[in-house]
Amino acid sequence: MKKFYPFLLLLGVFAWIGYMESPNMKPEDHFQTPVSTEDSETEAVATQKKEDLFTTMELELVHEGTKVVDGSKVEAYREYEIHKDRDGNIIKEVPTEHYNYIRYE
């Protein structure tokens, strides 16, 4: 009987994982989160501007500069959040902390 304990424990773990990953489980069931009231949701929507409701956000790499490091050319690109309205006009550009570097030998 002692030989079956690890097997039963492993079977129990798989059963628990299967239950937690089942389609009947909702993400809200995993953790208890405070329930939001409708008042706070309507306040958040009311504070938004009308033109902000129809915007899109794209990520774009913008060339920041070129340097020569150890005899190699290095180009730096910074990621920006580009917010556009429904007509495609740029509303604002927000720089992020993400950089990409390309080194040419």
C-alpha atoms as a PDB file:
ATOM      1  CA  MET A   1       0.000   0.000   0.000  1.00  0.00           C
ATOM      2  CA  LYS A   2       2.897   2.390   0.706  1.00  0.00           C
ATOM      3  CA  LYS A   3       4.005   2.035  -2.907  1.00  0.00           C
ATOM      4  CA  PHE A   4       0.717   3.506  -4.105  1.00  0.00           C
ATOM      5  CA  TYR A   5       0.882   6.732  -2.041  1.00  0.00           C
ATOM      6  CA  PRO A   6       3.111   8.661  -4.502  1.00  0.00           C
ATOM      7  CA  PHE A   7       0.912   7.475  -7.362  1.00  0.00           C
ATOM      8  CA  LEU A   8      -2.255   8.581  -5.551  1.00  0.00           C
ATOM      9  CA  LEU A   9      -0.673  11.926  -4.674  1.00  0.00           C
ATOM     10  CA  LEU A  10       0.338  12.476  -8.295  1.00  0.00           C
ATOM     11  CA  LEU A  11      -3.131  11.469  -9.454  1.00  0.00           C
ATOM     12  CA  GLY A  12      -4.663  13.942  -6.991  1.00  0.00           C
ATOM     13  CA  VAL A  13      -2.426  16.752  -8.254  1.00  0.00           C
ATOM     14  CA  PHE A  14      -3.390  16.052 -11.864  1.00  0.00           C
ATOM     15  CA  ALA A  15      -7.072  15.938 -10.914  1.00  0.00           C
ATOM     16  CA  TRP A  16      -6.772  19.334  -9.154  1.00  0.00           C
ATOM     17  CA  ILE A  17      -4.959  20.877 -12.138  1.00  0.00           C
ATOM     18  CA  GLY A  18      -7.566  19.457 -14.503  1.00  0.00           C
ATOM     19  CA  TYR A  19     -10.332  20.941 -12.400  1.00  0.00           C
ATOM     20  CA  MET A  20      -8.676  24.372 -12.248  1.00  0.00           C
ATOM     21  CA  GLU A  21      -8.040  24.400 -16.012  1.00  0.00           C
ATOM     22  CA  SER A  22     -11.520  23.191 -16.965  1.00  0.00           C
ATOM     23  CA  PRO A  23     -13.707  25.462 -19.110  1.00  0.00           C
ATOM     24  CA  ASN A  24     -16.260  25.660 -16.287  1.00  0.00           C
ATOM     25  CA  MET A  25     -13.778  27.520 -14.077  1.00  0.00           C
ATOM     26  CA  LYS A  26     -13.738  31.281 -14.499  1.00  0.00           C
ATOM     27  CA  PRO A  27     -10.621  33.351 -13.784  1.00  0.00           C
ATOM     28  CA  GLU A  28     -12.565  35.137 -11.048  1.00  0.00           C
ATOM     29  CA  ASP A  29     -12.988  31.827  -9.209  1.00  0.00           C
ATOM     30  CA  HIS A  30      -9.256  31.423  -8.626  1.00  0.00           C
ATOM     31  CA  PHE A  31      -8.806  34.508  -6.447  1.00  0.00           C
ATOM     32  CA  GLN A  32     -11.141  36.560  -4.393  1.00  0.00           C
ATOM     33  CA  THR A  33     -11.090  40.108  -5.674  1.00  0.00           C
ATOM     34  CA  PRO A  34     -13.134  43.017  -4.404  1.00  0.00           C
ATOM     35  CA  VAL A  35     -16.334  43.509  -6.356  1.00  0.00           C
ATOM     36  CA  SER A  36     -16.459  46.826  -8.176  1.00  0.00           C
ATOM     37  CA  THR A  37     -19.579  48.898  -7.900  1.00  0.00           C
ATOM     38  CA  GLU A  38     -21.333  50.383 -10.873  1.00  0.00           C
ATOM     39  CA  ASP A  39     -20.787  53.893  -9.473  1.00  0.00           C
ATOM     40  CA  SER A  40     -17.006  53.676  -9.749  1.00  0.00           C
ATOM     41  CA  GLU A  41     -17.243  52.292 -13.280  1.00  0.00           C
ATOM     42  CA  THR A  42     -19.520  55.086 -14.449  1.00  0.00           C
ATOM     43  CA  GLU A  43     -17.251  57.682 -12.840  1.00  0.00           C
ATOM     44  CA  ALA A  44     -14.277  56.337 -14.769  1.00  0.00           C
ATOM     45  CA  VAL A  45     -16.172  56.460 -18.053  1.00  0.00           C
ATOM     46  CA  ALA A  46     -17.526  59.936 -17.307  1.00  0.00           C
ATOM     47  CA  THR A  47     -14.036  61.343 -16.756  1.00  0.00           C
ATOM     48  CA  GLN A  48     -12.859  60.243 -20.200  1.00  0.00           C
ATOM     49  CA  LYS A  49     -13.018  62.736 -23.029  1.00  0.00           C
ATOM     50  CA  LYS A  50     -15.293  61.976 -25.948  1.00  0.00           C
ATOM     51  CA  GLU A  51     -12.409  61.909 -28.440  1.00  0.00           C
ATOM     52  CA  ASP A  52     -10.515  59.407 -26.242  1.00  0.00           C
ATOM     53  CA  LEU A  53     -13.251  56.804 -26.671  1.00  0.00           C
ATOM     54  CA  PHE A  54     -12.369  56.175 -30.330  1.00  0.00           C
ATOM     55  CA  THR A  55      -8.580  56.000 -30.259  1.00  0.00           C
ATOM     56  CA  THR A  56      -6.172  53.253 -31.216  1.00  0.00           C
ATOM     57  CA  MET A  57      -2.697  52.599 -29.890  1.00  0.00           C
ATOM     58  CA  GLU A  58       0.183  51.235 -31.962  1.00  0.00           C
ATOM     59  CA  LEU A  59       3.751  50.445 -30.987  1.00  0.00           C
ATOM     60  CA  GLU A  60       6.423  51.847 -33.259  1.00  0.00           C
ATOM     61  CA  LEU A  61      10.225  51.767 -33.200  1.00  0.00           C
ATOM     62  CA  VAL A  62      11.779  55.187 -33.773  1.00  0.00           C
ATOM     63  CA  HIS A  63      15.440  55.651 -34.720  1.00  0.00           C
ATOM     64  CA  GLU A  64      17.167  57.375 -31.789  1.00  0.00           C
ATOM     65  CA  GLY A  65      20.713  57.545 -33.083  1.00  0.00           C
ATOM     66  CA  THR A  66      23.826  55.806 -34.395  1.00  0.00           C
ATOM     67  CA  LYS A  67      27.148  55.255 -32.613  1.00  0.00           C
ATOM     68  CA  VAL A  68      30.401  53.488 -33.388  1.00  0.00           C
ATOM     69  CA  VAL A  69      31.256  51.026 -30.608  1.00  0.00           C
ATOM     70  CA  ASP A  70      34.450  48.938 -30.807  1.00  0.00           C
ATOM     71  CA  GLY A  71      34.683  49.551 -34.546  1.00  0.00           C
ATOM     72  CA  SER A  72      31.075  48.436 -35.182  1.00  0.00           C
ATOM     73  CA  LYS A  73      28.179  50.677 -36.158  1.00  0.00           C
ATOM     74  CA  VAL A  74      25.308  50.440 -33.617  1.00  0.00           C
ATOM     75  CA  GLU A  75      21.838  51.864 -34.281  1.00  0.00           C
ATOM     76  CA  ALA A  76      19.475  52.501 -31.370  1.00  0.00           C
ATOM     77  CA  TYR A  77      15.701  52.313 -31.763  1.00  0.00           C
ATOM     78  CA  ARG A  78      13.230  53.285 -29.029  1.00  0.00           C
ATOM     79  CA  GLU A  79       9.683  51.977 -28.814  1.00  0.00           C
ATOM     80  CA  TYR A  80       6.897  54.577 -28.754  1.00  0.00           C
ATOM     81  CA  GLU A  81       3.168  54.227 -28.100  1.00  0.00           C
ATOM     82  CA  ILE A  82       1.416  56.084 -30.907  1.00  0.00           C
ATOM     83  CA  HIS A  83      -2.173  57.048 -30.046  1.00  0.00           C
ATOM     84  CA  LYS A  84      -4.396  57.892 -33.031  1.00  0.00           C
ATOM     85  CA  ASP A  85      -7.988  59.020 -33.362  1.00  0.00           C
ATOM     86  CA  ARG A  86     -10.476  57.331 -35.657  1.00  0.00           C
ATOM     87  CA  ASP A  87      -9.327  59.483 -38.613  1.00  0.00           C
ATOM     88  CA  GLY A  88      -5.722  58.316 -38.233  1.00  0.00           C
ATOM     89  CA  ASN A  89      -4.418  61.600 -36.817  1.00  0.00           C
ATOM     90  CA  ILE A  90      -1.732  61.229 -34.149  1.00  0.00           C
ATOM     91  CA  ILE A  91      -3.030  62.443 -30.782  1.00  0.00           C
ATOM     92  CA  LYS A  92       0.054  61.745 -28.697  1.00  0.00           C
ATOM     93  CA  GLU A  93       3.326  59.818 -28.713  1.00  0.00           C
ATOM     94  CA  VAL A  94       4.491  58.238 -25.474  1.00  0.00           C
ATOM     95  CA  PRO A  95       8.073  56.896 -25.244  1.00  0.00           C
ATOM     96  CA  THR A  96       8.499  53.555 -23.494  1.00  0.00           C
ATOM     97  CA  GLU A  97      11.553  52.130 -21.756  1.00  0.00           C
ATOM     98  CA  HIS A  98      12.136  49.497 -24.462  1.00  0.00           C
ATOM     99  CA  TYR A  99      15.120  49.849 -26.785  1.00  0.00           C
ATOM    100  CA  ASN A 100      16.378  47.723 -29.679  1.00  0.00           C
ATOM    101  CA  TYR A 101      19.978  47.853 -30.841  1.00  0.00           C
ATOM    102  CA  ILE A 102      21.276  46.703 -34.229  1.00  0.00           C
ATOM    103  CA  ARG A 103      25.002  46.125 -34.570  1.00  0.00           C
ATOM    104  CA  TYR A 104      26.683  46.128 -37.971  1.00  0.00           C
ATOM    105  CA  GLU A 105      30.126  44.543 -38.271  1.00  0.00           C
END
